[in-house]
Amino acid sequence: MKFSSKDLAAFYYQLGTLVQASLPIQSALASAQKTAPRPLRSTVATLSAAINAGTPLHEAMEQCGRRFAPLDRHCVAMTERSGALDVGLLSLSRYYENLAAARRKLIAGSAYPVFLVTAAVFIAPVPELVLGKISLAGYLWQTAGSLAQLAVFGWIVVLLMRWMFTVPGLNVTMDRLLRVVPVFGRLRFDYALSQWVSSICLMLTAGIGIVPALEYASRTASSPLIAAAYEKAAPLIGGQLEVSQALAMTGEFPDHLIQFWATGEQSGRMDEMLERLAKFYEERWRQSLDQVVTWLPRIAYLLVALFIASQIISQYAAYLGTYDSLLQ
């Protein structure tokens, strides 16, 4: 069972705050057993038992299977070894809090469009019901059937998209195609870039070099396009080209990202430049999310208009058919 972003954000914040207050990790986990979100408490107890047996925290997390993402385990491992575990935990808390906030906003923005489409499905057949052309059972069957078709269609689309992102090669093509989708494509890619840069910053804070930090962040990136671009750039890094030049050669990264990176290399202030870059992309995907939420009702209005138009056309066609039969 995987935990929700909201629960993980709260857990990492509690644990990071306790460690930051110089509390030993054993005591921090013992305290978290009582204060952590309920879905995590049994897992926290497992972590606590492993820690008390002398197992490092990142290895204890690995023993919990897929409950903790690879990025979480790697982040904890790096910061644990460097003595900055509190920094790693609090960074993970911010990461999951941003993810949870984005999902909450998207769900809240989708509520009204979903209600609008559902209402249109139920209202459209009402005239036929009032005129006695269909029975109440027929009305319920028709509306329930329409909603079921919409739900099945959406479910199939989601499953198909998930499958495509598991196929090597096809996942990169899909990611590239989604990138050009208005508003949504920018939201998705900017979010992936934000988390990619943030992961690199976190590992630099833990004392990891820029090249290994770039490698791990790219291999665990949420965007297959970023991972594939790194594979193209990797042979050039450490050779005749700087990292910024190697990334630019792939043609996949935005110009301003390359410029920020090059500035950090030339000034020797890579940490500062990457932190600015992470904030820049975080602000960009938040703005894109606001645009998506703004456009969802408009898309719903369009769908409702098309649905009503199809109903009018079908009824008009039925009337014409009846009129033709009378003339004959």
C-alpha atoms as a PDB file:
ATOM      1  CA  MET A   1       0.000   0.000   0.000  1.00  0.00           C
ATOM      2  CA  LYS A   2       1.343   3.408  -0.995  1.00  0.00           C
ATOM      3  CA  PHE A   3       0.760   6.392   1.227  1.00  0.00           C
ATOM      4  CA  SER A   4      -0.907   9.613   0.149  1.00  0.00           C
ATOM      5  CA  SER A   5       1.168  12.714  -0.524  1.00  0.00           C
ATOM      6  CA  LYS A   6      -0.605  14.495   2.330  1.00  0.00           C
ATOM      7  CA  ASP A   7       0.311  11.786   4.848  1.00  0.00           C
ATOM      8  CA  LEU A   8       3.925  11.590   3.667  1.00  0.00           C
ATOM      9  CA  ALA A   9       4.284  15.378   3.875  1.00  0.00           C
ATOM     10  CA  ALA A  10       3.050  15.362   7.478  1.00  0.00           C
ATOM     11  CA  PHE A  11       5.237  12.396   8.453  1.00  0.00           C
ATOM     12  CA  TYR A  12       8.440  13.804   6.977  1.00  0.00           C
ATOM     13  CA  TYR A  13       7.750  17.205   8.521  1.00  0.00           C
ATOM     14  CA  GLN A  14       7.234  15.733  11.994  1.00  0.00           C
ATOM     15  CA  LEU A  15      10.315  13.545  11.738  1.00  0.00           C
ATOM     16  CA  GLY A  16      12.470  16.299  10.234  1.00  0.00           C
ATOM     17  CA  THR A  17      11.433  18.798  12.904  1.00  0.00           C
ATOM     18  CA  LEU A  18      12.275  16.351  15.687  1.00  0.00           C
ATOM     19  CA  VAL A  19      15.673  15.516  14.166  1.00  0.00           C
ATOM     20  CA  GLN A  20      16.348  19.227  13.636  1.00  0.00           C
ATOM     21  CA  ALA A  21      15.725  19.709  17.369  1.00  0.00           C
ATOM     22  CA  SER A  22      18.682  17.324  18.012  1.00  0.00           C
ATOM     23  CA  LEU A  23      16.450  14.408  19.001  1.00  0.00           C
ATOM     24  CA  PRO A  24      17.991  11.012  18.152  1.00  0.00           C
ATOM     25  CA  ILE A  25      16.296   9.250  15.258  1.00  0.00           C
ATOM     26  CA  GLN A  26      15.234   6.409  17.594  1.00  0.00           C
ATOM     27  CA  SER A  27      13.396   8.850  19.866  1.00  0.00           C
ATOM     28  CA  ALA A  28      11.981  10.760  16.889  1.00  0.00           C
ATOM     29  CA  LEU A  29      10.469   7.591  15.435  1.00  0.00           C
ATOM     30  CA  ALA A  30       9.148   6.501  18.839  1.00  0.00           C
ATOM     31  CA  SER A  31       7.360   9.843  19.096  1.00  0.00           C
ATOM     32  CA  ALA A  32       6.119   9.640  15.510  1.00  0.00           C
ATOM     33  CA  GLN A  33       4.408   6.327  16.254  1.00  0.00           C
ATOM     34  CA  LYS A  34       1.819   8.309  18.213  1.00  0.00           C
ATOM     35  CA  THR A  35       1.653  11.504  16.134  1.00  0.00           C
ATOM     36  CA  ALA A  36       2.135  10.297  12.539  1.00  0.00           C
ATOM     37  CA  PRO A  37      -0.923  10.019  10.245  1.00  0.00           C
ATOM     38  CA  ARG A  38      -2.822   6.830  11.052  1.00  0.00           C
ATOM     39  CA  PRO A  39      -2.083   5.005   7.766  1.00  0.00           C
ATOM     40  CA  LEU A  40       1.653   5.311   8.499  1.00  0.00           C
ATOM     41  CA  ARG A  41       1.733   4.305  12.173  1.00  0.00           C
ATOM     42  CA  SER A  42       2.239   0.584  11.657  1.00  0.00           C
ATOM     43  CA  THR A  43       5.009   1.308   9.146  1.00  0.00           C
ATOM     44  CA  VAL A  44       6.601   3.802  11.545  1.00  0.00           C
ATOM     45  CA  ALA A  45       6.594   1.083  14.200  1.00  0.00           C
ATOM     46  CA  THR A  46       8.405  -1.203  11.739  1.00  0.00           C
ATOM     47  CA  LEU A  47      10.965   1.527  11.036  1.00  0.00           C
ATOM     48  CA  SER A  48      11.447   2.139  14.738  1.00  0.00           C
ATOM     49  CA  ALA A  49      12.073  -1.561  15.428  1.00  0.00           C
ATOM     50  CA  ALA A  50      14.622  -1.727  12.609  1.00  0.00           C
ATOM     51  CA  ILE A  51      16.402   1.420  13.815  1.00  0.00           C
ATOM     52  CA  ASN A  52      16.592   0.054  17.357  1.00  0.00           C
ATOM     53  CA  ALA A  53      18.203  -3.074  15.899  1.00  0.00           C
ATOM     54  CA  GLY A  54      20.981  -0.929  14.412  1.00  0.00           C
ATOM     55  CA  THR A  55      19.694  -0.585  10.848  1.00  0.00           C
ATOM     56  CA  PRO A  56      20.136   2.825   9.145  1.00  0.00           C
ATOM     57  CA  LEU A  57      16.932   4.644   8.313  1.00  0.00           C
ATOM     58  CA  HIS A  58      17.262   4.317   4.519  1.00  0.00           C
ATOM     59  CA  GLU A  59      17.786   0.551   4.798  1.00  0.00           C
ATOM     60  CA  ALA A  60      14.792   0.290   7.125  1.00  0.00           C
ATOM     61  CA  MET A  61      12.740   2.125   4.496  1.00  0.00           C
ATOM     62  CA  GLU A  62      13.916  -0.345   1.832  1.00  0.00           C
ATOM     63  CA  GLN A  63      12.661  -3.199   4.022  1.00  0.00           C
ATOM     64  CA  CYS A  64       9.168  -1.706   3.779  1.00  0.00           C
ATOM     65  CA  GLY A  65       9.009  -2.558   0.084  1.00  0.00           C
ATOM     66  CA  ARG A  66       7.300  -0.097  -2.234  1.00  0.00           C
ATOM     67  CA  ARG A  67       5.738   1.969   0.520  1.00  0.00           C
ATOM     68  CA  PHE A  68       8.522   4.534   0.126  1.00  0.00           C
ATOM     69  CA  ALA A  69       9.550   5.760  -3.313  1.00  0.00           C
ATOM     70  CA  PRO A  70      13.143   5.223  -4.555  1.00  0.00           C
ATOM     71  CA  LEU A  71      13.705   8.996  -4.488  1.00  0.00           C
ATOM     72  CA  ASP A  72      12.705   9.101  -0.798  1.00  0.00           C
ATOM     73  CA  ARG A  73      15.092   6.308   0.105  1.00  0.00           C
ATOM     74  CA  HIS A  74      17.958   7.806  -1.878  1.00  0.00           C
ATOM     75  CA  CYS A  75      17.392  11.262  -0.387  1.00  0.00           C
ATOM     76  CA  VAL A  76      17.374   9.844   3.147  1.00  0.00           C
ATOM     77  CA  ALA A  77      20.474   7.736   2.418  1.00  0.00           C
ATOM     78  CA  MET A  78      22.470  10.708   1.093  1.00  0.00           C
ATOM     79  CA  THR A  79      21.496  13.136   3.832  1.00  0.00           C
ATOM     80  CA  GLU A  80      21.853  10.481   6.537  1.00  0.00           C
ATOM     81  CA  ARG A  81      25.450   9.822   5.502  1.00  0.00           C
ATOM     82  CA  SER A  82      26.292  13.516   5.311  1.00  0.00           C
ATOM     83  CA  GLY A  83      24.783  14.342   8.720  1.00  0.00           C
ATOM     84  CA  ALA A  84      22.020  16.490   7.245  1.00  0.00           C
ATOM     85  CA  LEU A  85      19.103  14.102   7.721  1.00  0.00           C
ATOM     86  CA  ASP A  86      16.818  16.879   8.948  1.00  0.00           C
ATOM     87  CA  VAL A  87      17.420  18.823   5.722  1.00  0.00           C
ATOM     88  CA  GLY A  88      16.521  15.766   3.633  1.00  0.00           C
ATOM     89  CA  LEU A  89      13.360  14.997   5.599  1.00  0.00           C
ATOM     90  CA  LEU A  90      12.107  18.580   5.505  1.00  0.00           C
ATOM     91  CA  SER A  91      12.854  18.784   1.779  1.00  0.00           C
ATOM     92  CA  LEU A  92      10.803  15.636   1.214  1.00  0.00           C
ATOM     93  CA  SER A  93       8.022  17.177   3.278  1.00  0.00           C
ATOM     94  CA  ARG A  94       7.969  20.249   1.022  1.00  0.00           C
ATOM     95  CA  TYR A  95       8.041  18.030  -2.069  1.00  0.00           C
ATOM     96  CA  TYR A  96       4.987  16.026  -0.985  1.00  0.00           C
ATOM     97  CA  GLU A  97       3.181  19.096   0.321  1.00  0.00           C
ATOM     98  CA  ASN A  98       3.523  20.732  -3.116  1.00  0.00           C
ATOM     99  CA  LEU A  99       2.275  17.534  -4.743  1.00  0.00           C
ATOM    100  CA  ALA A 100      -0.691  17.278  -2.362  1.00  0.00           C
ATOM    101  CA  ALA A 101      -1.559  20.963  -2.829  1.00  0.00           C
ATOM    102  CA  ALA A 102      -1.493  20.586  -6.617  1.00  0.00           C
ATOM    103  CA  ARG A 103      -3.788  17.563  -6.466  1.00  0.00           C
ATOM    104  CA  ARG A 104      -6.206  19.299  -4.090  1.00  0.00           C
ATOM    105  CA  LYS A 105      -6.413  22.315  -6.370  1.00  0.00           C
ATOM    106  CA  LEU A 106      -6.917  20.181  -9.465  1.00  0.00           C
ATOM    107  CA  ILE A 107      -9.639  18.100  -7.790  1.00  0.00           C
ATOM    108  CA  ALA A 108     -11.386  21.230  -6.493  1.00  0.00           C
ATOM    109  CA  GLY A 109     -11.218  22.779  -9.948  1.00  0.00           C
ATOM    110  CA  SER A 110     -12.644  19.612 -11.518  1.00  0.00           C
ATOM    111  CA  ALA A 111     -15.639  19.371  -9.168  1.00  0.00           C
ATOM    112  CA  TYR A 112     -17.795  21.989 -10.919  1.00  0.00           C
ATOM    113  CA  PRO A 113     -17.087  20.782 -14.496  1.00  0.00           C
ATOM    114  CA  VAL A 114     -17.915  17.198 -13.474  1.00  0.00           C
ATOM    115  CA  PHE A 115     -21.148  18.397 -11.847  1.00  0.00           C
ATOM    116  CA  LEU A 116     -22.013  20.400 -14.961  1.00  0.00           C
ATOM    117  CA  VAL A 117     -21.553  17.447 -17.317  1.00  0.00           C
ATOM    118  CA  THR A 118     -23.478  15.141 -14.962  1.00  0.00           C
ATOM    119  CA  ALA A 119     -26.343  17.629 -14.728  1.00  0.00           C
ATOM    120  CA  ALA A 120     -26.499  17.917 -18.514  1.00  0.00           C
ATOM    121  CA  VAL A 121     -26.775  14.127 -18.842  1.00  0.00           C
ATOM    122  CA  PHE A 122     -29.702  14.062 -16.387  1.00  0.00           C
ATOM    123  CA  ILE A 123     -31.487  17.187 -17.688  1.00  0.00           C
ATOM    124  CA  ALA A 124     -31.356  16.486 -21.435  1.00  0.00           C
ATOM    125  CA  PRO A 125     -33.902  13.574 -21.413  1.00  0.00           C
ATOM    126  CA  VAL A 126     -36.323  15.376 -19.031  1.00  0.00           C
ATOM    127  CA  PRO A 127     -38.575  16.744 -21.850  1.00  0.00           C
ATOM    128  CA  GLU A 128     -39.087  13.208 -23.192  1.00  0.00           C
ATOM    129  CA  LEU A 129     -39.897  11.996 -19.688  1.00  0.00           C
ATOM    130  CA  VAL A 130     -42.430  14.809 -19.139  1.00  0.00           C
ATOM    131  CA  LEU A 131     -44.073  14.194 -22.519  1.00  0.00           C
ATOM    132  CA  GLY A 132     -44.360  10.512 -21.718  1.00  0.00           C
ATOM    133  CA  LYS A 133     -42.128   9.370 -24.561  1.00  0.00           C
ATOM    134  CA  ILE A 134     -40.010   7.381 -22.140  1.00  0.00           C
ATOM    135  CA  SER A 135     -40.802   5.805 -18.799  1.00  0.00           C
ATOM    136  CA  LEU A 136     -39.073   6.608 -15.539  1.00  0.00           C
ATOM    137  CA  ALA A 137     -37.178   3.324 -15.782  1.00  0.00           C
ATOM    138  CA  GLY A 138     -36.132   4.188 -19.336  1.00  0.00           C
ATOM    139  CA  TYR A 139     -35.017   7.648 -18.213  1.00  0.00           C
ATOM    140  CA  LEU A 140     -32.873   6.200 -15.423  1.00  0.00           C
ATOM    141  CA  TRP A 141     -31.463   3.543 -17.738  1.00  0.00           C
ATOM    142  CA  GLN A 142     -30.560   6.150 -20.366  1.00  0.00           C
ATOM    143  CA  THR A 143     -28.903   8.584 -17.967  1.00  0.00           C
ATOM    144  CA  ALA A 144     -27.075   5.881 -16.017  1.00  0.00           C
ATOM    145  CA  GLY A 145     -25.906   4.365 -19.297  1.00  0.00           C
ATOM    146  CA  SER A 146     -24.536   7.699 -20.534  1.00  0.00           C
ATOM    147  CA  LEU A 147     -22.649   8.293 -17.295  1.00  0.00           C
ATOM    148  CA  ALA A 148     -21.314   4.724 -17.349  1.00  0.00           C
ATOM    149  CA  GLN A 149     -20.054   5.213 -20.908  1.00  0.00           C
ATOM    150  CA  LEU A 150     -18.266   8.426 -19.919  1.00  0.00           C
ATOM    151  CA  ALA A 151     -16.716   6.728 -16.872  1.00  0.00           C
ATOM    152  CA  VAL A 152     -15.575   3.695 -18.876  1.00  0.00           C
ATOM    153  CA  PHE A 153     -14.125   5.921 -21.594  1.00  0.00           C
ATOM    154  CA  GLY A 154     -12.178   7.965 -19.023  1.00  0.00           C
ATOM    155  CA  TRP A 155     -10.982   4.810 -17.275  1.00  0.00           C
ATOM    156  CA  ILE A 156      -9.763   3.296 -20.551  1.00  0.00           C
ATOM    157  CA  VAL A 157      -7.932   6.498 -21.487  1.00  0.00           C
ATOM    158  CA  VAL A 158      -6.167   6.601 -18.098  1.00  0.00           C
ATOM    159  CA  LEU A 159      -5.160   2.931 -18.286  1.00  0.00           C
ATOM    160  CA  LEU A 160      -3.933   3.351 -21.859  1.00  0.00           C
ATOM    161  CA  MET A 161      -1.854   6.401 -20.903  1.00  0.00           C
ATOM    162  CA  ARG A 162      -0.326   4.585 -17.943  1.00  0.00           C
ATOM    163  CA  TRP A 163       0.529   1.594 -20.124  1.00  0.00           C
ATOM    164  CA  MET A 164       2.160   3.810 -22.754  1.00  0.00           C
ATOM    165  CA  PHE A 165       4.390   5.352 -20.088  1.00  0.00           C
ATOM    166  CA  THR A 166       5.675   1.891 -19.128  1.00  0.00           C
ATOM    167  CA  VAL A 167       6.867   1.003 -22.644  1.00  0.00           C
ATOM    168  CA  PRO A 168      10.482   2.086 -23.330  1.00  0.00           C
ATOM    169  CA  GLY A 169      10.674   4.437 -26.276  1.00  0.00           C
ATOM    170  CA  LEU A 170       6.933   4.930 -26.457  1.00  0.00           C
ATOM    171  CA  ASN A 171       6.986   6.687 -23.066  1.00  0.00           C
ATOM    172  CA  VAL A 172       9.447   9.281 -24.406  1.00  0.00           C
ATOM    173  CA  THR A 173       7.299   9.834 -27.504  1.00  0.00           C
ATOM    174  CA  MET A 174       4.182  10.273 -25.366  1.00  0.00           C
ATOM    175  CA  ASP A 175       5.992  12.657 -23.039  1.00  0.00           C
ATOM    176  CA  ARG A 176       7.165  14.705 -26.016  1.00  0.00           C
ATOM    177  CA  LEU A 177       3.647  14.817 -27.483  1.00  0.00           C
ATOM    178  CA  LEU A 178       2.077  15.811 -24.166  1.00  0.00           C
ATOM    179  CA  ARG A 179       4.621  18.600 -23.828  1.00  0.00           C
ATOM    180  CA  VAL A 180       3.088  20.455 -26.790  1.00  0.00           C
ATOM    181  CA  VAL A 181      -0.472  20.206 -25.444  1.00  0.00           C
ATOM    182  CA  PRO A 182      -1.597  23.763 -24.574  1.00  0.00           C
ATOM    183  CA  VAL A 183      -1.511  24.639 -20.855  1.00  0.00           C
ATOM    184  CA  PHE A 184      -1.565  21.046 -19.590  1.00  0.00           C
ATOM    185  CA  GLY A 185       1.667  20.132 -21.379  1.00  0.00           C
ATOM    186  CA  ARG A 186       3.496  23.072 -19.885  1.00  0.00           C
ATOM    187  CA  LEU A 187       2.113  22.262 -16.434  1.00  0.00           C
ATOM    188  CA  ARG A 188       3.334  18.672 -16.616  1.00  0.00           C
ATOM    189  CA  PHE A 189       6.818  19.461 -17.951  1.00  0.00           C
ATOM    190  CA  ASP A 190       7.415  22.445 -15.669  1.00  0.00           C
ATOM    191  CA  TYR A 191       6.430  20.327 -12.674  1.00  0.00           C
ATOM    192  CA  ALA A 192       8.849  17.585 -13.755  1.00  0.00           C
ATOM    193  CA  LEU A 193      11.639  20.149 -14.215  1.00  0.00           C
ATOM    194  CA  SER A 194      10.895  21.666 -10.808  1.00  0.00           C
ATOM    195  CA  GLN A 195      11.197  18.305  -9.052  1.00  0.00           C
ATOM    196  CA  TRP A 196      14.259  17.360 -11.113  1.00  0.00           C
ATOM    197  CA  VAL A 197      16.134  20.534 -10.192  1.00  0.00           C
ATOM    198  CA  SER A 198      14.973  20.292  -6.557  1.00  0.00           C
ATOM    199  CA  SER A 199      16.336  16.727  -6.354  1.00  0.00           C
ATOM    200  CA  ILE A 200      19.715  17.913  -7.643  1.00  0.00           C
ATOM    201  CA  CYS A 201      19.743  20.771  -5.108  1.00  0.00           C
ATOM    202  CA  LEU A 202      18.931  18.375  -2.289  1.00  0.00           C
ATOM    203  CA  MET A 203      21.785  16.046  -3.181  1.00  0.00           C
ATOM    204  CA  LEU A 204      24.212  18.965  -3.518  1.00  0.00           C
ATOM    205  CA  THR A 205      23.176  20.012  -0.009  1.00  0.00           C
ATOM    206  CA  ALA A 206      23.961  16.485   1.168  1.00  0.00           C
ATOM    207  CA  GLY A 207      27.480  16.792  -0.203  1.00  0.00           C
ATOM    208  CA  ILE A 208      26.967  14.818  -3.414  1.00  0.00           C
ATOM    209  CA  GLY A 209      28.855  16.044  -6.491  1.00  0.00           C
ATOM    210  CA  ILE A 210      26.963  17.685  -9.321  1.00  0.00           C
ATOM    211  CA  VAL A 211      27.572  14.844 -11.809  1.00  0.00           C
ATOM    212  CA  PRO A 212      26.304  11.948  -9.607  1.00  0.00           C
ATOM    213  CA  ALA A 213      23.456  14.177  -8.370  1.00  0.00           C
ATOM    214  CA  LEU A 214      22.467  14.910 -11.969  1.00  0.00           C
ATOM    215  CA  GLU A 215      22.641  11.222 -12.865  1.00  0.00           C
ATOM    216  CA  TYR A 216      20.407   9.989 -10.055  1.00  0.00           C
ATOM    217  CA  ALA A 217      17.919  12.845 -10.352  1.00  0.00           C
ATOM    218  CA  SER A 218      17.613  12.186 -14.094  1.00  0.00           C
ATOM    219  CA  ARG A 219      17.170   8.433 -13.732  1.00  0.00           C
ATOM    220  CA  THR A 220      14.386   8.923 -11.164  1.00  0.00           C
ATOM    221  CA  ALA A 221      12.736  11.903 -12.890  1.00  0.00           C
ATOM    222  CA  SER A 222       8.973  11.758 -13.356  1.00  0.00           C
ATOM    223  CA  SER A 223       9.427  12.696 -17.011  1.00  0.00           C
ATOM    224  CA  PRO A 224      10.782  10.000 -19.387  1.00  0.00           C
ATOM    225  CA  LEU A 225      11.859  12.837 -21.682  1.00  0.00           C
ATOM    226  CA  ILE A 226      14.246  14.207 -19.034  1.00  0.00           C
ATOM    227  CA  ALA A 227      15.677  10.733 -18.391  1.00  0.00           C
ATOM    228  CA  ALA A 228      16.179  10.146 -22.121  1.00  0.00           C
ATOM    229  CA  ALA A 229      17.795  13.573 -22.579  1.00  0.00           C
ATOM    230  CA  TYR A 230      20.259  12.786 -19.798  1.00  0.00           C
ATOM    231  CA  GLU A 231      21.176   9.510 -21.520  1.00  0.00           C
ATOM    232  CA  LYS A 232      22.104  11.546 -24.600  1.00  0.00           C
ATOM    233  CA  ALA A 233      24.112  14.050 -22.563  1.00  0.00           C
ATOM    234  CA  ALA A 234      25.867  11.581 -20.223  1.00  0.00           C
ATOM    235  CA  PRO A 235      28.667  10.528 -22.643  1.00  0.00           C
ATOM    236  CA  LEU A 236      29.574  14.186 -23.186  1.00  0.00           C
ATOM    237  CA  ILE A 237      29.683  15.165 -19.506  1.00  0.00           C
ATOM    238  CA  GLY A 238      33.117  15.149 -17.919  1.00  0.00           C
ATOM    239  CA  GLY A 239      34.797  15.139 -21.292  1.00  0.00           C
ATOM    240  CA  GLN A 240      35.187  18.063 -23.614  1.00  0.00           C
ATOM    241  CA  LEU A 241      31.908  19.713 -22.581  1.00  0.00           C
ATOM    242  CA  GLU A 242      30.533  21.328 -19.448  1.00  0.00           C
ATOM    243  CA  VAL A 243      27.247  19.978 -18.076  1.00  0.00           C
ATOM    244  CA  SER A 244      25.314  22.973 -19.425  1.00  0.00           C
ATOM    245  CA  GLN A 245      26.778  22.439 -22.905  1.00  0.00           C
ATOM    246  CA  ALA A 246      26.007  18.717 -22.823  1.00  0.00           C
ATOM    247  CA  LEU A 247      22.398  19.396 -21.762  1.00  0.00           C
ATOM    248  CA  ALA A 248      22.058  22.009 -24.504  1.00  0.00           C
ATOM    249  CA  MET A 249      23.211  19.477 -27.110  1.00  0.00           C
ATOM    250  CA  THR A 250      20.157  17.297 -26.409  1.00  0.00           C
ATOM    251  CA  GLY A 251      17.757  20.020 -27.551  1.00  0.00           C
ATOM    252  CA  GLU A 252      15.218  19.003 -24.896  1.00  0.00           C
ATOM    253  CA  PHE A 253      15.879  21.538 -22.140  1.00  0.00           C
ATOM    254  CA  PRO A 254      14.639  25.153 -22.265  1.00  0.00           C
ATOM    255  CA  ASP A 255      17.155  27.876 -23.070  1.00  0.00           C
ATOM    256  CA  HIS A 256      16.729  29.686 -19.746  1.00  0.00           C
ATOM    257  CA  LEU A 257      17.532  26.454 -17.855  1.00  0.00           C
ATOM    258  CA  ILE A 258      20.765  26.130 -19.831  1.00  0.00           C
ATOM    259  CA  GLN A 259      21.578  29.788 -19.169  1.00  0.00           C
ATOM    260  CA  PHE A 260      21.006  29.433 -15.408  1.00  0.00           C
ATOM    261  CA  TRP A 261      23.139  26.297 -15.342  1.00  0.00           C
ATOM    262  CA  ALA A 262      25.957  27.910 -17.334  1.00  0.00           C
ATOM    263  CA  THR A 263      25.895  30.947 -15.039  1.00  0.00           C
ATOM    264  CA  GLY A 264      26.273  28.676 -12.016  1.00  0.00           C
ATOM    265  CA  GLU A 265      29.235  26.903 -13.614  1.00  0.00           C
ATOM    266  CA  GLN A 266      30.995  30.126 -14.522  1.00  0.00           C
ATOM    267  CA  SER A 267      30.372  31.888 -11.206  1.00  0.00           C
ATOM    268  CA  GLY A 268      31.017  28.858  -8.979  1.00  0.00           C
ATOM    269  CA  ARG A 269      27.615  29.435  -7.323  1.00  0.00           C
ATOM    270  CA  MET A 270      25.841  26.371  -8.676  1.00  0.00           C
ATOM    271  CA  ASP A 271      23.840  25.810  -5.468  1.00  0.00           C
ATOM    272  CA  GLU A 272      22.361  29.301  -5.604  1.00  0.00           C
ATOM    273  CA  MET A 273      21.588  29.148  -9.325  1.00  0.00           C
ATOM    274  CA  LEU A 274      19.854  25.784  -9.034  1.00  0.00           C
ATOM    275  CA  GLU A 275      17.774  26.962  -6.071  1.00  0.00           C
ATOM    276  CA  ARG A 276      16.627  29.950  -8.121  1.00  0.00           C
ATOM    277  CA  LEU A 277      15.885  27.665 -11.032  1.00  0.00           C
ATOM    278  CA  ALA A 278      13.810  25.335  -8.820  1.00  0.00           C
ATOM    279  CA  LYS A 279      11.782  28.295  -7.501  1.00  0.00           C
ATOM    280  CA  PHE A 280      11.323  29.612 -11.022  1.00  0.00           C
ATOM    281  CA  TYR A 281       9.834  26.336 -12.264  1.00  0.00           C
ATOM    282  CA  GLU A 282       7.756  25.902  -9.130  1.00  0.00           C
ATOM    283  CA  GLU A 283       6.185  29.299  -9.781  1.00  0.00           C
ATOM    284  CA  ARG A 284       5.677  28.401 -13.452  1.00  0.00           C
ATOM    285  CA  TRP A 285       3.852  25.127 -12.784  1.00  0.00           C
ATOM    286  CA  ARG A 286       1.682  26.825 -10.168  1.00  0.00           C
ATOM    287  CA  GLN A 287       0.679  29.434 -12.754  1.00  0.00           C
ATOM    288  CA  SER A 288       0.007  26.667 -15.282  1.00  0.00           C
ATOM    289  CA  LEU A 289      -2.127  24.861 -12.701  1.00  0.00           C
ATOM    290  CA  ASP A 290      -4.202  28.022 -12.234  1.00  0.00           C
ATOM    291  CA  GLN A 291      -4.705  28.152 -16.006  1.00  0.00           C
ATOM    292  CA  VAL A 292      -5.766  24.496 -16.120  1.00  0.00           C
ATOM    293  CA  VAL A 293      -8.314  25.089 -13.336  1.00  0.00           C
ATOM    294  CA  THR A 294      -9.586  28.135 -15.252  1.00  0.00           C
ATOM    295  CA  TRP A 295      -9.980  26.185 -18.490  1.00  0.00           C
ATOM    296  CA  LEU A 296     -11.706  23.116 -17.020  1.00  0.00           C
ATOM    297  CA  PRO A 297     -15.162  24.822 -16.721  1.00  0.00           C
ATOM    298  CA  ARG A 298     -14.795  26.157 -20.276  1.00  0.00           C
ATOM    299  CA  ILE A 299     -14.099  22.670 -21.570  1.00  0.00           C
ATOM    300  CA  ALA A 300     -17.117  21.414 -19.606  1.00  0.00           C
ATOM    301  CA  TYR A 301     -19.314  24.131 -21.186  1.00  0.00           C
ATOM    302  CA  LEU A 302     -18.111  23.024 -24.625  1.00  0.00           C
ATOM    303  CA  LEU A 303     -18.855  19.371 -23.885  1.00  0.00           C
ATOM    304  CA  VAL A 304     -22.331  20.254 -22.589  1.00  0.00           C
ATOM    305  CA  ALA A 305     -23.011  22.391 -25.670  1.00  0.00           C
ATOM    306  CA  LEU A 306     -21.939  19.559 -27.972  1.00  0.00           C
ATOM    307  CA  PHE A 307     -24.059  17.082 -26.011  1.00  0.00           C
ATOM    308  CA  ILE A 308     -27.149  19.283 -26.171  1.00  0.00           C
ATOM    309  CA  ALA A 309     -26.567  19.935 -29.864  1.00  0.00           C
ATOM    310  CA  SER A 310     -26.372  16.184 -30.516  1.00  0.00           C
ATOM    311  CA  GLN A 311     -29.625  15.681 -28.606  1.00  0.00           C
ATOM    312  CA  ILE A 312     -31.369  18.409 -30.610  1.00  0.00           C
ATOM    313  CA  ILE A 313     -30.103  16.991 -33.897  1.00  0.00           C
ATOM    314  CA  SER A 314     -31.196  13.464 -32.986  1.00  0.00           C
ATOM    315  CA  GLN A 315     -34.687  14.659 -31.981  1.00  0.00           C
ATOM    316  CA  TYR A 316     -34.977  16.781 -35.110  1.00  0.00           C
ATOM    317  CA  ALA A 317     -33.955  13.788 -37.218  1.00  0.00           C
ATOM    318  CA  ALA A 318     -36.647  11.708 -35.475  1.00  0.00           C
ATOM    319  CA  TYR A 319     -39.292  14.355 -36.221  1.00  0.00           C
ATOM    320  CA  LEU A 320     -38.246  14.456 -39.871  1.00  0.00           C
ATOM    321  CA  GLY A 321     -38.461  10.681 -40.047  1.00  0.00           C
ATOM    322  CA  THR A 322     -41.983  10.786 -38.596  1.00  0.00           C
ATOM    323  CA  TYR A 323     -43.001  13.555 -41.025  1.00  0.00           C
ATOM    324  CA  ASP A 324     -41.671  11.597 -44.016  1.00  0.00           C
ATOM    325  CA  SER A 325     -43.550   8.495 -42.930  1.00  0.00           C
ATOM    326  CA  LEU A 326     -46.800  10.481 -42.707  1.00  0.00           C
ATOM    327  CA  LEU A 327     -46.297  11.908 -46.180  1.00  0.00           C
ATOM    328  CA  GLN A 328     -45.847   8.438 -47.593  1.00  0.00           C
END
